[in-house]
C-alpha atoms as a PDB file:
ATOM      1  CA  MET A   1     180.739   6.570 -40.403  1.00  0.00           C
ATOM      2  CA  THR A   2     178.834   7.713 -37.294  1.00  0.00           C
ATOM      3  CA  ALA A   3     175.240   7.073 -36.532  1.00  0.00           C
ATOM      4  CA  SER A   4     174.427  10.547 -37.640  1.00  0.00           C
ATOM      5  CA  GLY A   5     175.989   9.863 -41.092  1.00  0.00           C
ATOM      6  CA  LEU A   6     178.698  12.320 -40.742  1.00  0.00           C
ATOM      7  CA  ARG A   7     182.259  11.684 -41.822  1.00  0.00           C
ATOM      8  CA  GLY A   8     183.491  12.880 -38.495  1.00  0.00           C
ATOM      9  CA  GLY A   9     186.321  14.996 -39.966  1.00  0.00           C
ATOM     10  CA  THR A  10     189.128  13.170 -41.651  1.00  0.00           C
ATOM     11  CA  GLY A  11     191.302  16.051 -42.854  1.00  0.00           C
ATOM     12  CA  MET A  12     190.400  15.218 -46.378  1.00  0.00           C
ATOM     13  CA  ALA A  13     188.995  17.961 -48.700  1.00  0.00           C
ATOM     14  CA  ALA A  14     185.219  17.808 -49.123  1.00  0.00           C
ATOM     15  CA  LYS A  15     183.629  16.250 -52.118  1.00  0.00           C
ATOM     16  CA  LEU A  16     182.206  18.702 -54.558  1.00  0.00           C
ATOM     17  CA  ILE A  17     178.529  18.688 -55.198  1.00  0.00           C
ATOM     18  CA  LEU A  18     178.215  19.927 -58.769  1.00  0.00           C
ATOM     19  CA  GLY A  19     174.965  21.565 -59.702  1.00  0.00           C
ATOM     20  CA  THR A  20     175.933  21.771 -63.256  1.00  0.00           C
ATOM     21  CA  GLU A  21     175.896  17.943 -63.500  1.00  0.00           C
ATOM     22  CA  VAL A  22     172.691  17.390 -61.594  1.00  0.00           C
ATOM     23  CA  ALA A  23     170.903  20.228 -63.477  1.00  0.00           C
ATOM     24  CA  ARG A  24     171.915  18.720 -66.802  1.00  0.00           C
ATOM     25  CA  ARG A  25     170.265  15.461 -65.803  1.00  0.00           C
ATOM     26  CA  ILE A  26     167.023  17.277 -64.765  1.00  0.00           C
ATOM     27  CA  ARG A  27     166.963  19.259 -67.880  1.00  0.00           C
ATOM     28  CA  ASP A  28     167.420  16.138 -69.939  1.00  0.00           C
ATOM     29  CA  GLU A  29     164.549  14.600 -68.060  1.00  0.00           C
ATOM     30  CA  VAL A  30     162.373  17.715 -68.719  1.00  0.00           C
ATOM     31  CA  ALA A  31     163.239  17.574 -72.481  1.00  0.00           C
ATOM     32  CA  THR A  32     162.230  13.936 -72.613  1.00  0.00           C
ATOM     33  CA  ARG A  33     158.954  14.777 -70.957  1.00  0.00           C
ATOM     34  CA  VAL A  34     158.393  17.644 -73.410  1.00  0.00           C
ATOM     35  CA  GLY A  35     158.985  15.478 -76.247  1.00  0.00           C
ATOM     36  CA  ALA A  36     156.343  13.018 -75.111  1.00  0.00           C
ATOM     37  CA  MET A  37     153.885  15.976 -74.781  1.00  0.00           C
ATOM     38  CA  LYS A  38     154.705  17.174 -78.253  1.00  0.00           C
ATOM     39  CA  GLU A  39     153.812  13.818 -79.701  1.00  0.00           C
ATOM     40  CA  LYS A  40     150.387  14.356 -78.421  1.00  0.00           C
ATOM     41  CA  GLY A  41     150.215  17.883 -79.904  1.00  0.00           C
ATOM     42  CA  ARG A  42     150.935  19.720 -76.648  1.00  0.00           C
ATOM     43  CA  ILE A  43     153.636  22.323 -76.070  1.00  0.00           C
ATOM     44  CA  PRO A  44     154.494  23.719 -72.639  1.00  0.00           C
ATOM     45  CA  GLY A  45     154.900  27.584 -72.556  1.00  0.00           C
ATOM     46  CA  LEU A  46     156.854  29.858 -70.349  1.00  0.00           C
ATOM     47  CA  ALA A  47     156.603  33.670 -70.277  1.00  0.00           C
ATOM     48  CA  THR A  48     159.348  35.705 -68.633  1.00  0.00           C
ATOM     49  CA  VAL A  49     158.764  39.465 -67.992  1.00  0.00           C
ATOM     50  CA  LEU A  50     161.887  41.700 -67.829  1.00  0.00           C
ATOM     51  CA  VAL A  51     161.219  45.368 -66.732  1.00  0.00           C
ATOM     52  CA  GLY A  52     164.286  47.704 -67.409  1.00  0.00           C
ATOM     53  CA  THR A  53     167.782  46.952 -68.557  1.00  0.00           C
ATOM     54  CA  ASP A  54     169.649  45.853 -65.455  1.00  0.00           C
ATOM     55  CA  PRO A  55     172.553  43.754 -66.896  1.00  0.00           C
ATOM     56  CA  ALA A  56     172.379  41.069 -64.306  1.00  0.00           C
ATOM     57  CA  SER A  57     168.626  40.535 -64.682  1.00  0.00           C
ATOM     58  CA  LYS A  58     168.858  40.653 -68.429  1.00  0.00           C
ATOM     59  CA  ALA A  59     171.615  38.076 -68.436  1.00  0.00           C
ATOM     60  CA  TYR A  60     169.684  35.799 -66.019  1.00  0.00           C
ATOM     61  CA  VAL A  61     166.373  36.017 -67.972  1.00  0.00           C
ATOM     62  CA  GLY A  62     168.276  35.258 -71.217  1.00  0.00           C
ATOM     63  CA  MET A  63     169.747  32.102 -69.621  1.00  0.00           C
ATOM     64  CA  LYS A  64     166.250  30.957 -68.588  1.00  0.00           C
ATOM     65  CA  ASN A  65     164.757  31.474 -72.057  1.00  0.00           C
ATOM     66  CA  ARG A  66     167.733  29.763 -73.800  1.00  0.00           C
ATOM     67  CA  ALA A  67     167.379  26.802 -71.417  1.00  0.00           C
ATOM     68  CA  ALA A  68     163.522  26.648 -71.961  1.00  0.00           C
ATOM     69  CA  THR A  69     164.071  26.681 -75.752  1.00  0.00           C
ATOM     70  CA  GLU A  70     166.651  23.917 -75.566  1.00  0.00           C
ATOM     71  CA  ALA A  71     164.285  21.729 -73.551  1.00  0.00           C
ATOM     72  CA  GLY A  72     161.587  22.247 -76.224  1.00  0.00           C
ATOM     73  CA  ILE A  73     159.439  24.622 -74.128  1.00  0.00           C
ATOM     74  CA  ARG A  74     157.838  27.470 -75.978  1.00  0.00           C
ATOM     75  CA  SER A  75     159.546  30.424 -74.510  1.00  0.00           C
ATOM     76  CA  ARG A  76     158.467  34.017 -74.631  1.00  0.00           C
ATOM     77  CA  GLN A  77     160.598  36.862 -73.227  1.00  0.00           C
ATOM     78  CA  ILE A  78     158.826  40.240 -72.803  1.00  0.00           C
ATOM     79  CA  ASP A  79     161.090  43.195 -72.391  1.00  0.00           C
ATOM     80  CA  LEU A  80     159.527  46.299 -71.016  1.00  0.00           C
ATOM     81  CA  PRO A  81     160.857  49.793 -70.283  1.00  0.00           C
ATOM     82  CA  ALA A  82     161.707  50.652 -66.669  1.00  0.00           C
ATOM     83  CA  SER A  83     159.280  53.574 -66.796  1.00  0.00           C
ATOM     84  CA  ILE A  84     156.282  51.269 -67.469  1.00  0.00           C
ATOM     85  CA  PRO A  85     153.187  52.264 -65.364  1.00  0.00           C
ATOM     86  CA  HIS A  86     152.102  49.845 -62.641  1.00  0.00           C
ATOM     87  CA  ALA A  87     148.610  49.363 -64.296  1.00  0.00           C
ATOM     88  CA  GLU A  88     150.060  48.626 -67.603  1.00  0.00           C
ATOM     89  CA  LEU A  89     152.253  45.868 -66.181  1.00  0.00           C
ATOM     90  CA  LEU A  90     149.403  44.438 -64.103  1.00  0.00           C
ATOM     91  CA  GLY A  91     147.276  44.396 -67.325  1.00  0.00           C
ATOM     92  CA  LEU A  92     150.092  42.546 -69.207  1.00  0.00           C
ATOM     93  CA  VAL A  93     150.176  39.837 -66.458  1.00  0.00           C
ATOM     94  CA  SER A  94     146.464  39.535 -66.631  1.00  0.00           C
ATOM     95  CA  GLY A  95     146.797  38.995 -70.370  1.00  0.00           C
ATOM     96  CA  LEU A  96     149.427  36.215 -69.821  1.00  0.00           C
ATOM     97  CA  ASN A  97     146.972  34.555 -67.327  1.00  0.00           C
ATOM     98  CA  ALA A  98     144.349  34.338 -69.988  1.00  0.00           C
ATOM     99  CA  ASP A  99     146.699  32.994 -72.724  1.00  0.00           C
ATOM    100  CA  PRO A 100     146.192  29.179 -73.105  1.00  0.00           C
ATOM    101  CA  GLU A 101     149.681  28.847 -74.589  1.00  0.00           C
ATOM    102  CA  VAL A 102     151.341  30.212 -71.462  1.00  0.00           C
ATOM    103  CA  HIS A 103     151.523  27.719 -68.598  1.00  0.00           C
ATOM    104  CA  GLY A 104     154.203  29.502 -66.545  1.00  0.00           C
ATOM    105  CA  ILE A 105     154.741  33.210 -65.807  1.00  0.00           C
ATOM    106  CA  LEU A 106     157.808  34.613 -64.149  1.00  0.00           C
ATOM    107  CA  VAL A 107     158.215  38.360 -63.454  1.00  0.00           C
ATOM    108  CA  GLN A 108     161.964  39.015 -62.963  1.00  0.00           C
ATOM    109  CA  LEU A 109     162.645  40.912 -59.726  1.00  0.00           C
ATOM    110  CA  PRO A 110     163.470  43.526 -58.634  1.00  0.00           C
ATOM    111  CA  LEU A 111     160.941  45.859 -60.264  1.00  0.00           C
ATOM    112  CA  PRO A 112     161.198  49.743 -60.419  1.00  0.00           C
ATOM    113  CA  SER A 113     159.986  51.865 -57.683  1.00  0.00           C
ATOM    114  CA  GLN A 114     156.650  52.940 -59.375  1.00  0.00           C
ATOM    115  CA  VAL A 115     155.554  49.313 -59.521  1.00  0.00           C
ATOM    116  CA  ARG A 116     153.926  47.726 -56.600  1.00  0.00           C
ATOM    117  CA  THR A 117     155.780  44.467 -56.604  1.00  0.00           C
ATOM    118  CA  GLN A 118     153.568  42.567 -54.341  1.00  0.00           C
ATOM    119  CA  GLU A 119     150.432  43.359 -56.234  1.00  0.00           C
ATOM    120  CA  ILE A 120     152.111  42.269 -59.427  1.00  0.00           C
ATOM    121  CA  LEU A 121     153.163  38.950 -57.932  1.00  0.00           C
ATOM    122  CA  GLU A 122     149.616  38.427 -56.540  1.00  0.00           C
ATOM    123  CA  GLY A 123     148.325  39.177 -59.977  1.00  0.00           C
ATOM    124  CA  ILE A 124     149.855  36.004 -61.370  1.00  0.00           C
ATOM    125  CA  HIS A 125     147.302  33.189 -61.337  1.00  0.00           C
ATOM    126  CA  PRO A 126     148.419  30.596 -58.829  1.00  0.00           C
ATOM    127  CA  SER A 127     148.427  27.769 -61.383  1.00  0.00           C
ATOM    128  CA  LYS A 128     150.906  29.701 -63.493  1.00  0.00           C
ATOM    129  CA  ASP A 129     152.970  30.834 -60.576  1.00  0.00           C
ATOM    130  CA  VAL A 130     156.189  28.678 -61.340  1.00  0.00           C
ATOM    131  CA  ASP A 131     158.311  30.286 -58.577  1.00  0.00           C
ATOM    132  CA  CYS A 132     155.797  30.183 -55.794  1.00  0.00           C
ATOM    133  CA  PHE A 133     155.504  33.926 -55.169  1.00  0.00           C
ATOM    134  CA  HIS A 134     151.676  34.084 -54.891  1.00  0.00           C
ATOM    135  CA  PRO A 135     150.467  34.255 -51.200  1.00  0.00           C
ATOM    136  CA  LEU A 136     147.988  31.378 -51.943  1.00  0.00           C
ATOM    137  CA  ASN A 137     150.973  29.178 -53.053  1.00  0.00           C
ATOM    138  CA  VAL A 138     153.142  30.449 -50.207  1.00  0.00           C
ATOM    139  CA  GLY A 139     150.490  29.435 -47.667  1.00  0.00           C
ATOM    140  CA  ARG A 140     149.976  25.992 -49.416  1.00  0.00           C
ATOM    141  CA  LEU A 141     153.814  25.388 -49.047  1.00  0.00           C
ATOM    142  CA  ASN A 142     153.934  26.353 -45.421  1.00  0.00           C
ATOM    143  CA  THR A 143     151.039  24.010 -44.580  1.00  0.00           C
ATOM    144  CA  GLY A 144     152.886  21.119 -46.002  1.00  0.00           C
ATOM    145  CA  ASP A 145     151.008  20.751 -49.332  1.00  0.00           C
ATOM    146  CA  ALA A 146     153.130  18.410 -51.415  1.00  0.00           C
ATOM    147  CA  HIS A 147     151.066  19.336 -54.615  1.00  0.00           C
ATOM    148  CA  VAL A 148     152.203  22.970 -54.760  1.00  0.00           C
ATOM    149  CA  LEU A 149     154.851  24.104 -57.146  1.00  0.00           C
ATOM    150  CA  ALA A 150     157.604  24.967 -54.851  1.00  0.00           C
ATOM    151  CA  PRO A 151     160.054  27.877 -55.221  1.00  0.00           C
ATOM    152  CA  CYS A 152     162.778  27.148 -57.889  1.00  0.00           C
ATOM    153  CA  THR A 153     165.944  27.794 -55.728  1.00  0.00           C
ATOM    154  CA  PRO A 154     164.906  25.899 -52.613  1.00  0.00           C
ATOM    155  CA  LEU A 155     163.464  23.124 -54.676  1.00  0.00           C
ATOM    156  CA  GLY A 156     166.760  22.881 -56.640  1.00  0.00           C
ATOM    157  CA  ILE A 157     168.660  22.641 -53.354  1.00  0.00           C
ATOM    158  CA  LEU A 158     166.444  19.748 -52.159  1.00  0.00           C
ATOM    159  CA  GLU A 159     167.051  18.028 -55.527  1.00  0.00           C
ATOM    160  CA  LEU A 160     170.766  18.654 -55.244  1.00  0.00           C
ATOM    161  CA  LEU A 161     170.847  17.052 -51.818  1.00  0.00           C
ATOM    162  CA  LEU A 162     168.792  14.048 -52.755  1.00  0.00           C
ATOM    163  CA  ARG A 163     170.504  13.327 -56.038  1.00  0.00           C
ATOM    164  CA  SER A 164     173.933  13.541 -54.444  1.00  0.00           C
ATOM    165  CA  GLY A 165     173.083  11.088 -51.776  1.00  0.00           C
ATOM    166  CA  HIS A 166     172.388  13.481 -48.888  1.00  0.00           C
ATOM    167  CA  ASP A 167     168.742  12.908 -47.978  1.00  0.00           C
ATOM    168  CA  PRO A 168     167.677  15.424 -45.241  1.00  0.00           C
ATOM    169  CA  ARG A 169     165.236  12.891 -43.686  1.00  0.00           C
ATOM    170  CA  GLY A 170     165.944  12.449 -39.927  1.00  0.00           C
ATOM    171  CA  ARG A 171     168.924  14.964 -40.199  1.00  0.00           C
ATOM    172  CA  HIS A 172     169.434  18.310 -38.405  1.00  0.00           C
ATOM    173  CA  VAL A 173     169.502  20.997 -41.132  1.00  0.00           C
ATOM    174  CA  VAL A 174     170.618  24.576 -40.245  1.00  0.00           C
ATOM    175  CA  VAL A 175     169.417  27.216 -42.758  1.00  0.00           C
ATOM    176  CA  VAL A 176     171.205  30.536 -42.362  1.00  0.00           C
ATOM    177  CA  GLY A 177     169.084  33.316 -43.835  1.00  0.00           C
ATOM    178  CA  ARG A 178     165.322  33.992 -43.476  1.00  0.00           C
ATOM    179  CA  SER A 179     164.365  35.558 -46.797  1.00  0.00           C
ATOM    180  CA  ASN A 180     161.124  34.975 -48.494  1.00  0.00           C
ATOM    181  CA  LEU A 181     163.114  33.831 -51.566  1.00  0.00           C
ATOM    182  CA  VAL A 182     165.178  31.058 -49.982  1.00  0.00           C
ATOM    183  CA  GLY A 183     165.456  30.761 -46.237  1.00  0.00           C
ATOM    184  CA  LYS A 184     161.832  30.514 -45.250  1.00  0.00           C
ATOM    185  CA  PRO A 185     160.548  28.277 -48.135  1.00  0.00           C
ATOM    186  CA  MET A 186     163.676  26.167 -47.692  1.00  0.00           C
ATOM    187  CA  ALA A 187     162.690  25.512 -44.137  1.00  0.00           C
ATOM    188  CA  ALA A 188     159.059  24.680 -45.132  1.00  0.00           C
ATOM    189  CA  LEU A 189     160.250  22.207 -47.750  1.00  0.00           C
ATOM    190  CA  LEU A 190     162.555  20.449 -45.336  1.00  0.00           C
ATOM    191  CA  LEU A 191     159.650  20.122 -42.729  1.00  0.00           C
ATOM    192  CA  ARG A 192     157.267  18.610 -45.114  1.00  0.00           C
ATOM    193  CA  ARG A 193     156.441  14.852 -44.821  1.00  0.00           C
ATOM    194  CA  GLY A 194     157.779  12.626 -47.466  1.00  0.00           C
ATOM    195  CA  ARG A 195     160.487  12.863 -50.114  1.00  0.00           C
ATOM    196  CA  GLY A 196     163.073  15.484 -49.294  1.00  0.00           C
ATOM    197  CA  GLY A 197     161.425  16.420 -46.049  1.00  0.00           C
ATOM    198  CA  ASP A 198     161.134  15.126 -42.420  1.00  0.00           C
ATOM    199  CA  ALA A 199     164.192  16.939 -41.298  1.00  0.00           C
ATOM    200  CA  THR A 200     164.757  18.720 -38.013  1.00  0.00           C
ATOM    201  CA  VAL A 201     165.225  22.312 -39.012  1.00  0.00           C
ATOM    202  CA  THR A 202     166.740  25.380 -37.309  1.00  0.00           C
ATOM    203  CA  VAL A 203     166.587  28.797 -39.073  1.00  0.00           C
ATOM    204  CA  ALA A 204     169.418  31.260 -38.067  1.00  0.00           C
ATOM    205  CA  HIS A 205     169.718  34.913 -39.174  1.00  0.00           C
ATOM    206  CA  SER A 206     171.510  38.223 -38.515  1.00  0.00           C
ATOM    207  CA  GLN A 207     169.915  38.591 -35.047  1.00  0.00           C
ATOM    208  CA  THR A 208     170.821  34.960 -33.933  1.00  0.00           C
ATOM    209  CA  PRO A 209     173.097  35.189 -30.774  1.00  0.00           C
ATOM    210  CA  ASP A 210     176.348  33.198 -31.163  1.00  0.00           C
ATOM    211  CA  LEU A 211     175.674  32.215 -34.847  1.00  0.00           C
ATOM    212  CA  ALA A 212     178.702  29.880 -34.805  1.00  0.00           C
ATOM    213  CA  ALA A 213     177.229  27.746 -32.020  1.00  0.00           C
ATOM    214  CA  VAL A 214     174.097  27.370 -34.050  1.00  0.00           C
ATOM    215  CA  THR A 215     175.699  26.579 -37.443  1.00  0.00           C
ATOM    216  CA  ARG A 216     177.957  23.888 -35.846  1.00  0.00           C
ATOM    217  CA  LEU A 217     174.729  21.932 -35.049  1.00  0.00           C
ATOM    218  CA  GLY A 218     173.969  21.367 -38.586  1.00  0.00           C
ATOM    219  CA  GLU A 219     174.601  17.963 -40.274  1.00  0.00           C
ATOM    220  CA  ILE A 220     173.539  19.772 -43.358  1.00  0.00           C
ATOM    221  CA  LEU A 221     174.265  23.602 -43.499  1.00  0.00           C
ATOM    222  CA  ILE A 222     172.415  25.806 -46.014  1.00  0.00           C
ATOM    223  CA  VAL A 223     173.822  29.425 -46.302  1.00  0.00           C
ATOM    224  CA  ALA A 224     171.812  32.066 -47.987  1.00  0.00           C
ATOM    225  CA  VAL A 225     172.569  35.511 -46.700  1.00  0.00           C
ATOM    226  CA  GLY A 226     174.168  37.456 -49.535  1.00  0.00           C
ATOM    227  CA  ARG A 227     177.427  38.403 -47.709  1.00  0.00           C
ATOM    228  CA  ALA A 228     180.724  36.966 -48.993  1.00  0.00           C
ATOM    229  CA  GLY A 229     182.505  34.526 -46.790  1.00  0.00           C
ATOM    230  CA  VAL A 230     180.184  35.036 -43.690  1.00  0.00           C
ATOM    231  CA  VAL A 231     180.484  31.255 -42.782  1.00  0.00           C
ATOM    232  CA  THR A 232     184.048  30.284 -41.912  1.00  0.00           C
ATOM    233  CA  ARG A 233     185.690  27.013 -41.117  1.00  0.00           C
ATOM    234  CA  ASP A 234     185.243  27.195 -37.338  1.00  0.00           C
ATOM    235  CA  MET A 235     181.439  27.673 -37.869  1.00  0.00           C
ATOM    236  CA  VAL A 236     181.024  24.304 -39.538  1.00  0.00           C
ATOM    237  CA  ARG A 237     180.541  20.945 -37.890  1.00  0.00           C
ATOM    238  CA  PRO A 238     183.139  18.376 -39.072  1.00  0.00           C
ATOM    239  CA  GLY A 239     181.665  16.123 -41.710  1.00  0.00           C
ATOM    240  CA  ALA A 240     178.791  18.468 -42.454  1.00  0.00           C
ATOM    241  CA  VAL A 241     177.219  18.802 -45.930  1.00  0.00           C
ATOM    242  CA  VAL A 242     177.443  22.549 -46.886  1.00  0.00           C
ATOM    243  CA  ILE A 243     175.116  24.146 -49.486  1.00  0.00           C
ATOM    244  CA  ASP A 244     176.346  27.704 -50.428  1.00  0.00           C
ATOM    245  CA  VAL A 245     173.499  29.702 -52.013  1.00  0.00           C
ATOM    246  CA  GLY A 246     175.278  33.020 -52.143  1.00  0.00           C
ATOM    247  CA  VAL A 247     176.632  34.676 -55.279  1.00  0.00           C
ATOM    248  CA  ASN A 248     178.657  37.700 -54.506  1.00  0.00           C
ATOM    249  CA  ARG A 249     180.962  39.930 -56.610  1.00  0.00           C
ATOM    250  CA  VAL A 250     184.373  40.486 -54.925  1.00  0.00           C
ATOM    251  CA  ASP A 251     186.934  42.808 -56.484  1.00  0.00           C
ATOM    252  CA  ASP A 252     189.927  40.953 -57.866  1.00  0.00           C
ATOM    253  CA  PRO A 253     192.423  42.970 -59.974  1.00  0.00           C
ATOM    254  CA  THR A 254     193.929  39.582 -61.250  1.00  0.00           C
ATOM    255  CA  ALA A 255     190.494  38.526 -62.800  1.00  0.00           C
ATOM    256  CA  GLU A 256     189.752  39.353 -66.457  1.00  0.00           C
ATOM    257  CA  ARG A 257     186.616  41.280 -65.435  1.00  0.00           C
ATOM    258  CA  GLY A 258     188.185  42.984 -62.439  1.00  0.00           C
ATOM    259  CA  TYR A 259     186.065  40.806 -60.030  1.00  0.00           C
ATOM    260  CA  ARG A 260     185.354  37.139 -59.046  1.00  0.00           C
ATOM    261  CA  LEU A 261     182.249  35.428 -57.959  1.00  0.00           C
ATOM    262  CA  THR A 262     182.222  33.903 -54.504  1.00  0.00           C
ATOM    263  CA  GLY A 263     179.708  32.389 -52.167  1.00  0.00           C
ATOM    264  CA  ASP A 264     178.494  33.102 -48.613  1.00  0.00           C
ATOM    265  CA  VAL A 265     180.923  30.462 -47.379  1.00  0.00           C
ATOM    266  CA  ASP A 266     184.702  30.679 -47.124  1.00  0.00           C
ATOM    267  CA  PHE A 267     185.053  27.913 -49.521  1.00  0.00           C
ATOM    268  CA  GLU A 268     188.772  27.055 -49.169  1.00  0.00           C
ATOM    269  CA  GLY A 269     188.640  26.942 -45.342  1.00  0.00           C
ATOM    270  CA  VAL A 270     185.253  25.050 -45.142  1.00  0.00           C
ATOM    271  CA  ARG A 271     186.055  22.404 -47.575  1.00  0.00           C
ATOM    272  CA  GLU A 272     188.766  21.241 -45.125  1.00  0.00           C
ATOM    273  CA  VAL A 273     186.233  20.282 -42.525  1.00  0.00           C
ATOM    274  CA  ALA A 274     182.987  19.486 -44.474  1.00  0.00           C
ATOM    275  CA  SER A 275     182.283  16.173 -46.157  1.00  0.00           C
ATOM    276  CA  ALA A 276     180.645  17.728 -49.210  1.00  0.00           C
ATOM    277  CA  ILE A 277     180.196  21.265 -50.435  1.00  0.00           C
ATOM    278  CA  THR A 278     178.683  23.173 -53.390  1.00  0.00           C
ATOM    279  CA  PRO A 279     181.160  25.415 -55.384  1.00  0.00           C
ATOM    280  CA  VAL A 280     180.223  28.980 -56.475  1.00  0.00           C
ATOM    281  CA  PRO A 281     179.628  29.277 -59.316  1.00  0.00           C
ATOM    282  CA  GLY A 282     178.463  25.856 -60.559  1.00  0.00           C
ATOM    283  CA  GLY A 283     176.518  24.803 -57.412  1.00  0.00           C
ATOM    284  CA  VAL A 284     172.974  26.036 -56.664  1.00  0.00           C
ATOM    285  CA  GLY A 285     172.755  28.468 -59.586  1.00  0.00           C
ATOM    286  CA  PRO A 286     172.192  25.972 -62.367  1.00  0.00           C
ATOM    287  CA  MET A 287     169.599  24.106 -60.250  1.00  0.00           C
ATOM    288  CA  THR A 288     167.323  27.137 -60.204  1.00  0.00           C
ATOM    289  CA  ILE A 289     166.938  27.169 -63.830  1.00  0.00           C
ATOM    290  CA  ALA A 290     166.489  23.535 -64.108  1.00  0.00           C
ATOM    291  CA  MET A 291     163.547  23.478 -61.569  1.00  0.00           C
ATOM    292  CA  LEU A 292     161.961  26.451 -63.358  1.00  0.00           C
ATOM    293  CA  LEU A 293     161.817  24.289 -66.435  1.00  0.00           C
ATOM    294  CA  SER A 294     160.574  21.338 -64.427  1.00  0.00           C
ATOM    295  CA  ASN A 295     157.815  23.439 -62.751  1.00  0.00           C
ATOM    296  CA  THR A 296     156.744  24.975 -66.102  1.00  0.00           C
ATOM    297  CA  VAL A 297     156.203  21.519 -67.549  1.00  0.00           C
ATOM    298  CA  GLU A 298     154.390  20.277 -64.551  1.00  0.00           C
ATOM    299  CA  ALA A 299     152.153  23.320 -64.665  1.00  0.00           C
ATOM    300  CA  ALA A 300     151.325  22.559 -68.215  1.00  0.00           C
ATOM    301  CA  SER A 301     150.620  18.964 -67.509  1.00  0.00           C
ATOM    302  CA  ARG A 302     148.137  19.995 -64.713  1.00  0.00           C
ATOM    303  CA  SER A 303     146.463  22.560 -66.994  1.00  0.00           C
ATOM    304  CA  TRP A 304     145.776  19.830 -69.620  1.00  0.00           C
ATOM    305  CA  GLU A 305     144.579  17.453 -66.958  1.00  0.00           C
ATOM    306  CA  GLU A 306     142.025  19.921 -65.923  1.00  0.00           C
ATOM    307  CA  GLU A 307     140.690  20.301 -69.513  1.00  0.00           C
ATOM    308  CA  ARG A 308     139.803  16.550 -69.640  1.00  0.00           C
END
């Protein structure tokens, strides 16, 4: 192994980093922690708000609530019509802020056009903001505050790296994508001091000249752009660890549903040069839900500590 910790390219297929396995371990840890809380008469509570009937959002919120219930968390799913007025939704969020049985609030995005999304997200109390959407929490994250509840997907990626033996500390990580949901907070987490941080970080995006030259610098490459197969084999440094955040539907007449899910990375090509890679599905996705549960339990714990 080289000094940088890279395999150096052996021609062997990359090892799979399975988010399903790591997420299950985290969910078991959460369930154990919740069990200990219940022995003291405490139950963490999560409220998810779904506006409209978008099938993908509905399915995703359903998975979150089932996972929460399985872990012993009190889960409340609030389904609202797509026509709900902005003021009514804001009032509902305010009510959840005041509810002592709710420790985490998650409003599923996207929201319909009559709703001012940013105002709704800012309406969630920072202490119950379990996906780090509130500007106060975003600011704390970007100033390196290790106490802030970090966004679930970037936090899940970090846990996936650490628990699979790929500590970012001292390594060059290239993040492709600059969204507020993944790219920017991912970079902020990697730059923090301490566990999971202390990396050298480059953020690339659609306006980056010679993207391939930049991605090949990454000992760890995290791709989150929402475009199927945008990163190909020639864009990956031999021996790199590749985290594929994208989930894209690609037409496939041979598939039962007429489509298949694929990531932002050309999996078959890249796995021939990478040392480790996440599959899609089964990679980052399960980690997002696991970290939502973890953040909810942590928010509950902090709430009870403040009552003492």
